[in-house]
Amino acid sequence: PFQLTGAQKRVLKEIRADMKTGRQMNRLLQGDVGSGKTMVAFMSMLMAVDNGCQAALMAPTEILAQQHFASLTEWARPIGVKVALLTGSTRAAARREIHAGLLSGEIDIIVGTHALIEDSVQFHLLGLVVIDEQHRFGVAQRGKLWHKSEKVPHVLVMTATPIPRTLAMTVYGDLEVSVIDELPPGRKPITTLLRYD
């Protein structure tokens, strides 16, 4: 329901180019809070779904997973893309239903927490993994998602933590870096204040 910014369009072109190479994409998406990273992630997941694959978005906390689920569900419903939420507090009956939907391919996009890396979670064909605030997950935890598909899925990791490009290349040497350096029109800048009583 809104125009993408120039920065979002540029990053989506970079992601699309990566996905077309035939090799696994490993890309770090950096942008301030409110810059539109979730929309870029959603559009990237749609690329996977459009090619017959599933996508997973893993967030470090249940609250953040629920926020992502609410946004993605709102955007996905009008176009018939099925989104589900799996967290530690998902009840057993719902969990069984989600597991079956992932395995059959009925669920297109799964949003969740560490619950996504449990051995019981299997996919029909996982094509893209998006990890939010990826520094909050260990290497072994992230790696567990790679082994849930016959083919190694593309990987997009997102962070709102500003990381200089040179440092990003040193710390995340295996990742290409994309930066959303433009806020959507009308979006007020985020202000962090420290107050003393």
Protein backbone atom coordinates (compact mmCIF):
# COMPACT_ATOMS: atom_id res chain seq x y z
CA PRO A 1 0.00 0.00 0.00
CA PHE A 2 3.02 2.33 -0.30
CA GLN A 3 5.98 3.07 -2.54
CA LEU A 4 9.30 1.44 -1.73
CA THR A 5 12.21 3.79 -1.14
CA GLY A 6 15.11 3.94 -3.58
CA ALA A 7 17.30 2.17 -1.02
CA GLN A 8 14.78 -0.68 -0.62
CA LYS A 9 14.57 -1.10 -4.41
CA ARG A 10 18.37 -1.13 -4.69
CA VAL A 11 18.71 -3.79 -1.98
CA LEU A 12 15.97 -5.95 -3.55
CA LYS A 13 17.85 -5.84 -6.87
CA GLU A 14 21.01 -7.01 -5.07
CA ILE A 15 19.08 -9.86 -3.41
CA ARG A 16 17.40 -10.89 -6.68
CA ALA A 17 20.79 -10.90 -8.46
CA ASP A 18 22.23 -13.13 -5.68
CA MET A 19 19.32 -15.57 -5.90
CA LYS A 20 19.74 -15.94 -9.67
CA THR A 21 23.42 -16.98 -9.55
CA GLY A 22 22.78 -20.64 -8.71
CA ARG A 23 24.92 -20.28 -5.56
CA GLN A 24 23.79 -19.75 -1.99
CA MET A 25 23.16 -16.11 -1.11
CA ASN A 26 24.74 -14.94 2.14
CA ARG A 27 23.80 -11.29 2.61
CA LEU A 28 23.78 -8.93 5.60
CA LEU A 29 21.00 -6.33 5.46
CA GLN A 30 21.72 -3.32 7.64
CA GLY A 31 19.34 -0.45 8.30
CA ASP A 32 18.03 1.75 11.07
CA VAL A 33 14.85 0.89 12.95
CA GLY A 34 11.99 2.00 10.70
CA SER A 35 14.01 1.91 7.47
CA GLY A 36 11.94 -0.91 5.98
CA LYS A 37 14.05 -4.06 6.49
CA THR A 38 10.96 -6.19 7.22
CA MET A 39 9.36 -5.21 3.91
CA VAL A 40 12.59 -6.08 2.06
CA ALA A 41 12.66 -9.42 3.88
CA PHE A 42 9.03 -10.06 2.95
CA MET A 43 9.59 -9.26 -0.73
CA SER A 44 12.65 -11.55 -0.69
CA MET A 45 10.53 -14.33 0.83
CA LEU A 46 7.98 -13.81 -1.94
CA MET A 47 10.75 -14.44 -4.48
CA ALA A 48 11.34 -17.83 -2.82
CA VAL A 49 7.61 -18.63 -2.65
CA ASP A 50 7.14 -17.60 -6.28
CA ASN A 51 9.79 -20.18 -7.19
CA GLY A 52 8.03 -23.02 -5.36
CA CYS A 53 10.04 -22.79 -2.13
CA GLN A 54 9.27 -21.95 1.48
CA ALA A 55 10.83 -19.21 3.60
CA ALA A 56 11.60 -18.95 7.32
CA LEU A 57 12.12 -15.85 9.44
CA MET A 58 13.84 -16.46 12.79
CA ALA A 59 13.74 -13.76 15.47
CA PRO A 60 15.54 -13.78 18.84
CA THR A 61 12.48 -13.12 21.02
CA GLU A 62 8.85 -14.19 21.01
CA ILE A 63 7.65 -10.57 21.02
CA LEU A 64 9.70 -9.73 17.92
CA ALA A 65 8.52 -12.94 16.20
CA GLN A 66 4.89 -11.99 16.94
CA GLN A 67 5.45 -8.47 15.53
CA HIS A 68 6.95 -9.91 12.32
CA PHE A 69 4.12 -12.44 12.07
CA ALA A 70 1.48 -9.69 12.37
CA SER A 71 3.11 -7.59 9.62
CA LEU A 72 3.75 -10.50 7.25
CA THR A 73 0.23 -11.90 7.72
CA GLU A 74 -1.31 -8.52 6.90
CA TRP A 75 0.76 -8.21 3.71
CA ALA A 76 0.45 -11.87 2.66
CA ARG A 77 -3.28 -12.45 3.18
CA PRO A 78 -4.48 -10.46 0.11
CA ILE A 79 -2.16 -12.42 -2.21
CA GLY A 80 -2.95 -15.89 -0.83
CA VAL A 81 0.42 -16.61 0.80
CA LYS A 82 0.08 -18.70 3.98
CA VAL A 83 2.11 -17.53 6.99
CA ALA A 84 2.39 -19.39 10.32
CA LEU A 85 3.98 -18.63 13.71
CA LEU A 86 6.01 -21.15 15.73
CA THR A 87 7.45 -20.23 19.12
CA GLY A 88 8.19 -21.96 22.39
CA SER A 89 4.68 -21.17 23.66
CA THR A 90 2.87 -22.66 20.63
CA ARG A 91 0.49 -25.33 21.99
CA ALA A 92 1.05 -29.00 21.10
CA ALA A 93 -1.99 -29.35 18.81
CA ALA A 94 -1.12 -26.20 16.85
CA ARG A 95 2.53 -27.29 16.73
CA ARG A 96 1.57 -30.64 15.13
CA GLU A 97 -0.55 -28.82 12.57
CA ILE A 98 2.31 -26.44 11.73
CA HIS A 99 4.81 -29.32 11.42
CA ALA A 100 2.47 -31.08 8.98
CA GLY A 101 1.90 -27.87 6.99
CA LEU A 102 5.64 -27.24 6.66
CA LEU A 103 6.35 -30.80 5.56
CA SER A 104 3.53 -30.81 2.99
CA GLY A 105 4.44 -27.37 1.66
CA GLU A 106 1.03 -25.94 2.59
CA ILE A 107 2.73 -23.25 4.74
CA ASP A 108 4.69 -20.81 2.56
CA ILE A 109 6.35 -18.68 5.25
CA ILE A 110 7.10 -19.63 8.85
CA VAL A 111 8.00 -17.02 11.45
CA GLY A 112 9.45 -18.12 14.76
CA THR A 113 12.07 -18.15 17.45
CA HIS A 114 14.60 -20.87 18.36
CA ALA A 115 11.63 -23.25 18.03
CA LEU A 116 12.36 -23.31 14.27
CA ILE A 117 15.63 -25.18 14.80
CA GLU A 118 14.09 -28.07 16.76
CA ASP A 119 14.69 -31.45 15.10
CA SER A 120 10.94 -32.04 14.72
CA VAL A 121 10.62 -29.03 12.37
CA GLN A 122 11.08 -30.19 8.76
CA PHE A 123 10.34 -28.41 5.49
CA HIS A 124 9.01 -29.47 2.11
CA LEU A 125 11.54 -27.21 0.33
CA LEU A 126 13.19 -24.39 2.29
CA GLY A 127 14.53 -21.79 -0.13
CA LEU A 128 15.26 -18.74 2.05
CA VAL A 129 16.16 -18.20 5.68
CA VAL A 130 15.90 -14.68 7.11
CA ILE A 131 17.49 -14.13 10.51
CA ASP A 132 16.70 -10.95 12.43
CA GLU A 133 19.38 -9.55 14.76
CA GLN A 134 21.52 -12.53 13.80
CA HIS A 135 24.26 -11.75 16.33
CA ARG A 136 21.80 -12.96 18.99
CA PHE A 137 22.07 -16.52 17.59
CA GLY A 138 25.07 -18.82 17.74
CA VAL A 139 26.73 -20.20 14.61
CA ALA A 140 25.53 -23.74 15.44
CA GLN A 141 21.95 -22.51 15.93
CA ARG A 142 21.95 -20.75 12.55
CA GLY A 143 23.58 -23.74 10.90
CA LYS A 144 20.79 -26.05 12.04
CA LEU A 145 18.41 -24.25 9.68
CA TRP A 146 20.69 -24.87 6.69
CA HIS A 147 20.30 -28.64 7.14
CA LYS A 148 16.51 -28.63 7.05
CA SER A 149 16.40 -28.67 3.26
CA GLU A 150 17.85 -30.86 0.50
CA LYS A 151 19.38 -27.80 -1.12
CA VAL A 152 21.18 -25.23 0.99
CA PRO A 153 18.80 -22.25 1.37
CA HIS A 154 19.66 -18.64 0.63
CA VAL A 155 20.43 -16.63 3.79
CA LEU A 156 19.53 -13.02 4.58
CA VAL A 157 20.57 -11.71 7.98
CA MET A 158 19.23 -8.38 9.24
CA THR A 159 20.53 -5.96 11.82
CA ALA A 160 19.67 -2.46 13.00
CA THR A 161 23.10 -2.19 14.63
CA PRO A 162 25.24 0.18 12.55
CA ILE A 163 28.37 -1.69 11.47
CA PRO A 164 31.03 0.06 9.36
CA ARG A 165 31.44 -1.76 6.04
CA THR A 166 35.10 -2.56 6.74
CA LEU A 167 34.23 -4.10 10.12
CA ALA A 168 31.29 -6.01 8.60
CA MET A 169 33.61 -7.51 5.99
CA THR A 170 36.05 -8.54 8.73
CA VAL A 171 33.47 -10.00 11.13
CA TYR A 172 31.11 -11.40 8.50
CA GLY A 173 33.65 -12.21 5.80
CA ASP A 174 31.32 -14.66 4.07
CA LEU A 175 28.49 -12.12 3.77
CA GLU A 176 27.82 -9.50 1.13
CA VAL A 177 26.60 -6.27 2.74
CA SER A 178 23.49 -4.25 1.76
CA VAL A 179 22.58 -1.02 3.54
CA ILE A 180 19.18 0.70 3.64
CA ASP A 181 20.32 4.27 4.14
CA GLU A 182 17.02 6.04 3.50
CA LEU A 183 13.89 6.28 5.67
CA PRO A 184 10.45 5.99 4.08
CA PRO A 185 8.74 9.36 3.41
CA GLY A 186 7.10 10.83 6.48
CA ARG A 187 8.92 8.47 8.84
CA LYS A 188 10.23 10.38 11.82
CA PRO A 189 13.81 9.60 12.82
CA ILE A 190 14.20 7.31 15.84
CA THR A 191 15.50 9.20 18.89
CA THR A 192 17.09 7.41 21.81
CA LEU A 193 17.18 9.40 25.04
CA LEU A 194 18.84 8.83 28.38
CA ARG A 195 17.01 10.55 31.21
CA TYR A 196 18.04 10.99 34.80
CA ASP A 197 15.40 11.32 37.54
